[in-house]
């Protein structure tokens, strides 16, 4: 029997790294939302902001992918229009629509 390293045929590509990071991120967001630490709307706003910045930097492929993730988050729970989040971006600070979870009171 040949003792071939099974990892030799496994190629780590930028797409694979992105896909794995995204999958782990989405699982983390689902766990945090389930624990009540954040809402899907908050995550939709954050991911959409990153998408819009990427588009402004000329990264249209990344921007489109991230906007799709943001639409997925926005559609969870009560749902929220992605177009409303886009319009609100220029009108608010990060905490104006609750994008930053508040630190629990110590005491």
C-alpha atoms as a PDB file:
ATOM      1  CA  UNK A   1       0.000   0.000   0.000  1.00  0.00           C
ATOM      2  CA  UNK A   2       1.145   3.430  -0.825  1.00  0.00           C
ATOM      3  CA  UNK A   3       1.191   5.992   2.003  1.00  0.00           C
ATOM      4  CA  UNK A   4       0.240   8.974  -0.118  1.00  0.00           C
ATOM      5  CA  UNK A   5      -0.547  12.201   1.686  1.00  0.00           C
ATOM      6  CA  UNK A   6      -4.235  12.797   1.015  1.00  0.00           C
ATOM      7  CA  UNK A   7      -3.703  16.555   1.231  1.00  0.00           C
ATOM      8  CA  UNK A   8      -1.301  16.636  -1.736  1.00  0.00           C
ATOM      9  CA  UNK A   9      -4.191  16.699  -4.220  1.00  0.00           C
ATOM     10  CA  UNK A  10      -6.084  19.365  -2.301  1.00  0.00           C
ATOM     11  CA  UNK A  11      -5.560  22.766  -3.908  1.00  0.00           C
ATOM     12  CA  UNK A  12      -6.299  25.828  -1.823  1.00  0.00           C
ATOM     13  CA  UNK A  13      -7.578  28.511  -4.165  1.00  0.00           C
ATOM     14  CA  UNK A  14      -8.693  32.059  -3.388  1.00  0.00           C
ATOM     15  CA  UNK A  15     -12.289  31.044  -4.230  1.00  0.00           C
ATOM     16  CA  UNK A  16     -12.151  28.122  -1.793  1.00  0.00           C
ATOM     17  CA  UNK A  17     -10.784  30.357   0.956  1.00  0.00           C
ATOM     18  CA  UNK A  18     -13.516  32.932   0.307  1.00  0.00           C
ATOM     19  CA  UNK A  19     -16.250  30.278   0.274  1.00  0.00           C
ATOM     20  CA  UNK A  20     -15.042  28.712   3.527  1.00  0.00           C
ATOM     21  CA  UNK A  21     -14.693  32.075   5.248  1.00  0.00           C
ATOM     22  CA  UNK A  22     -18.173  33.047   4.104  1.00  0.00           C
ATOM     23  CA  UNK A  23     -19.665  29.765   5.314  1.00  0.00           C
ATOM     24  CA  UNK A  24     -18.058  30.148   8.731  1.00  0.00           C
ATOM     25  CA  UNK A  25     -19.165  33.782   8.905  1.00  0.00           C
ATOM     26  CA  UNK A  26     -22.763  32.893   8.062  1.00  0.00           C
ATOM     27  CA  UNK A  27     -22.791  30.169  10.716  1.00  0.00           C
ATOM     28  CA  UNK A  28     -21.418  32.621  13.279  1.00  0.00           C
ATOM     29  CA  UNK A  29     -24.067  35.210  12.399  1.00  0.00           C
ATOM     30  CA  UNK A  30     -26.827  32.600  12.732  1.00  0.00           C
ATOM     31  CA  UNK A  31     -25.500  31.601  16.166  1.00  0.00           C
ATOM     32  CA  UNK A  32     -25.247  35.222  17.319  1.00  0.00           C
ATOM     33  CA  UNK A  33     -28.742  35.998  16.050  1.00  0.00           C
ATOM     34  CA  UNK A  34     -30.095  32.915  17.796  1.00  0.00           C
ATOM     35  CA  UNK A  35     -28.506  34.094  21.040  1.00  0.00           C
ATOM     36  CA  UNK A  36     -30.049  37.557  20.639  1.00  0.00           C
ATOM     37  CA  UNK A  37     -26.676  39.302  20.324  1.00  0.00           C
ATOM     38  CA  UNK A  38     -27.399  40.796  16.894  1.00  0.00           C
ATOM     39  CA  UNK A  39     -30.229  40.889  14.394  1.00  0.00           C
ATOM     40  CA  UNK A  40     -30.205  39.850  10.773  1.00  0.00           C
ATOM     41  CA  UNK A  41     -31.094  43.431   9.851  1.00  0.00           C
ATOM     42  CA  UNK A  42     -27.986  44.673  11.616  1.00  0.00           C
ATOM     43  CA  UNK A  43     -25.863  42.198   9.684  1.00  0.00           C
ATOM     44  CA  UNK A  44     -27.605  43.105   6.424  1.00  0.00           C
ATOM     45  CA  UNK A  45     -26.710  46.763   6.965  1.00  0.00           C
ATOM     46  CA  UNK A  46     -23.093  45.957   7.793  1.00  0.00           C
ATOM     47  CA  UNK A  47     -22.554  43.609   4.847  1.00  0.00           C
ATOM     48  CA  UNK A  48     -24.315  46.043   2.511  1.00  0.00           C
ATOM     49  CA  UNK A  49     -22.003  48.846   3.658  1.00  0.00           C
ATOM     50  CA  UNK A  50     -18.983  46.674   2.828  1.00  0.00           C
ATOM     51  CA  UNK A  51     -20.564  45.821  -0.539  1.00  0.00           C
ATOM     52  CA  UNK A  52     -21.132  49.473  -1.379  1.00  0.00           C
ATOM     53  CA  UNK A  53     -17.542  50.325  -0.409  1.00  0.00           C
ATOM     54  CA  UNK A  54     -16.270  47.475  -2.592  1.00  0.00           C
ATOM     55  CA  UNK A  55     -18.319  48.736  -5.532  1.00  0.00           C
ATOM     56  CA  UNK A  56     -16.935  52.248  -5.018  1.00  0.00           C
ATOM     57  CA  UNK A  57     -13.427  50.723  -5.101  1.00  0.00           C
ATOM     58  CA  UNK A  58     -14.161  49.036  -8.444  1.00  0.00           C
ATOM     59  CA  UNK A  59     -14.608  45.520  -7.017  1.00  0.00           C
ATOM     60  CA  UNK A  60     -17.952  44.830  -8.689  1.00  0.00           C
ATOM     61  CA  UNK A  61     -17.755  41.026  -8.400  1.00  0.00           C
ATOM     62  CA  UNK A  62     -17.152  41.137  -4.660  1.00  0.00           C
ATOM     63  CA  UNK A  63     -19.764  43.879  -4.268  1.00  0.00           C
ATOM     64  CA  UNK A  64     -22.394  41.795  -6.053  1.00  0.00           C
ATOM     65  CA  UNK A  65     -21.623  38.724  -3.943  1.00  0.00           C
ATOM     66  CA  UNK A  66     -21.798  40.701  -0.705  1.00  0.00           C
ATOM     67  CA  UNK A  67     -25.029  42.417  -1.744  1.00  0.00           C
ATOM     68  CA  UNK A  68     -26.506  38.951  -2.252  1.00  0.00           C
ATOM     69  CA  UNK A  69     -25.464  38.012   1.296  1.00  0.00           C
ATOM     70  CA  UNK A  70     -26.972  41.266   2.588  1.00  0.00           C
ATOM     71  CA  UNK A  71     -30.251  40.511   0.778  1.00  0.00           C
ATOM     72  CA  UNK A  72     -30.296  37.109   2.452  1.00  0.00           C
ATOM     73  CA  UNK A  73     -29.843  38.671   5.876  1.00  0.00           C
ATOM     74  CA  UNK A  74     -32.430  41.371   5.162  1.00  0.00           C
ATOM     75  CA  UNK A  75     -34.986  38.742   4.185  1.00  0.00           C
ATOM     76  CA  UNK A  76     -34.704  36.901   7.518  1.00  0.00           C
ATOM     77  CA  UNK A  77     -36.984  37.598  10.457  1.00  0.00           C
ATOM     78  CA  UNK A  78     -39.149  40.623   9.858  1.00  0.00           C
ATOM     79  CA  UNK A  79     -37.465  41.336   6.549  1.00  0.00           C
ATOM     80  CA  UNK A  80     -36.302  44.707   5.311  1.00  0.00           C
ATOM     81  CA  UNK A  81     -35.825  46.197   1.876  1.00  0.00           C
ATOM     82  CA  UNK A  82     -32.229  46.233   0.710  1.00  0.00           C
ATOM     83  CA  UNK A  83     -33.049  49.449  -1.152  1.00  0.00           C
ATOM     84  CA  UNK A  84     -34.124  51.040   2.146  1.00  0.00           C
ATOM     85  CA  UNK A  85     -30.814  50.004   3.697  1.00  0.00           C
ATOM     86  CA  UNK A  86     -28.943  51.513   0.737  1.00  0.00           C
ATOM     87  CA  UNK A  87     -30.821  54.805   1.072  1.00  0.00           C
ATOM     88  CA  UNK A  88     -30.335  54.876   4.828  1.00  0.00           C
ATOM     89  CA  UNK A  89     -26.576  54.427   4.547  1.00  0.00           C
ATOM     90  CA  UNK A  90     -25.941  58.056   3.701  1.00  0.00           C
ATOM     91  CA  UNK A  91     -28.354  59.321   6.351  1.00  0.00           C
ATOM     92  CA  UNK A  92     -27.091  57.583   9.435  1.00  0.00           C
ATOM     93  CA  UNK A  93     -24.214  56.810  11.694  1.00  0.00           C
ATOM     94  CA  UNK A  94     -23.607  53.109  12.373  1.00  0.00           C
ATOM     95  CA  UNK A  95     -25.627  53.158  15.567  1.00  0.00           C
ATOM     96  CA  UNK A  96     -28.536  55.257  14.246  1.00  0.00           C
ATOM     97  CA  UNK A  97     -30.402  52.170  13.036  1.00  0.00           C
ATOM     98  CA  UNK A  98     -28.970  49.920  15.699  1.00  0.00           C
ATOM     99  CA  UNK A  99     -26.124  48.440  13.683  1.00  0.00           C
ATOM    100  CA  UNK A 100     -23.855  48.263  16.699  1.00  0.00           C
ATOM    101  CA  UNK A 101     -25.165  46.088  19.508  1.00  0.00           C
ATOM    102  CA  UNK A 102     -25.144  47.886  22.804  1.00  0.00           C
ATOM    103  CA  UNK A 103     -22.744  46.677  25.465  1.00  0.00           C
ATOM    104  CA  UNK A 104     -24.619  45.135  28.391  1.00  0.00           C
ATOM    105  CA  UNK A 105     -24.824  47.227  31.538  1.00  0.00           C
ATOM    106  CA  UNK A 106     -22.315  46.117  34.122  1.00  0.00           C
ATOM    107  CA  UNK A 107     -23.785  45.819  37.493  1.00  0.00           C
END
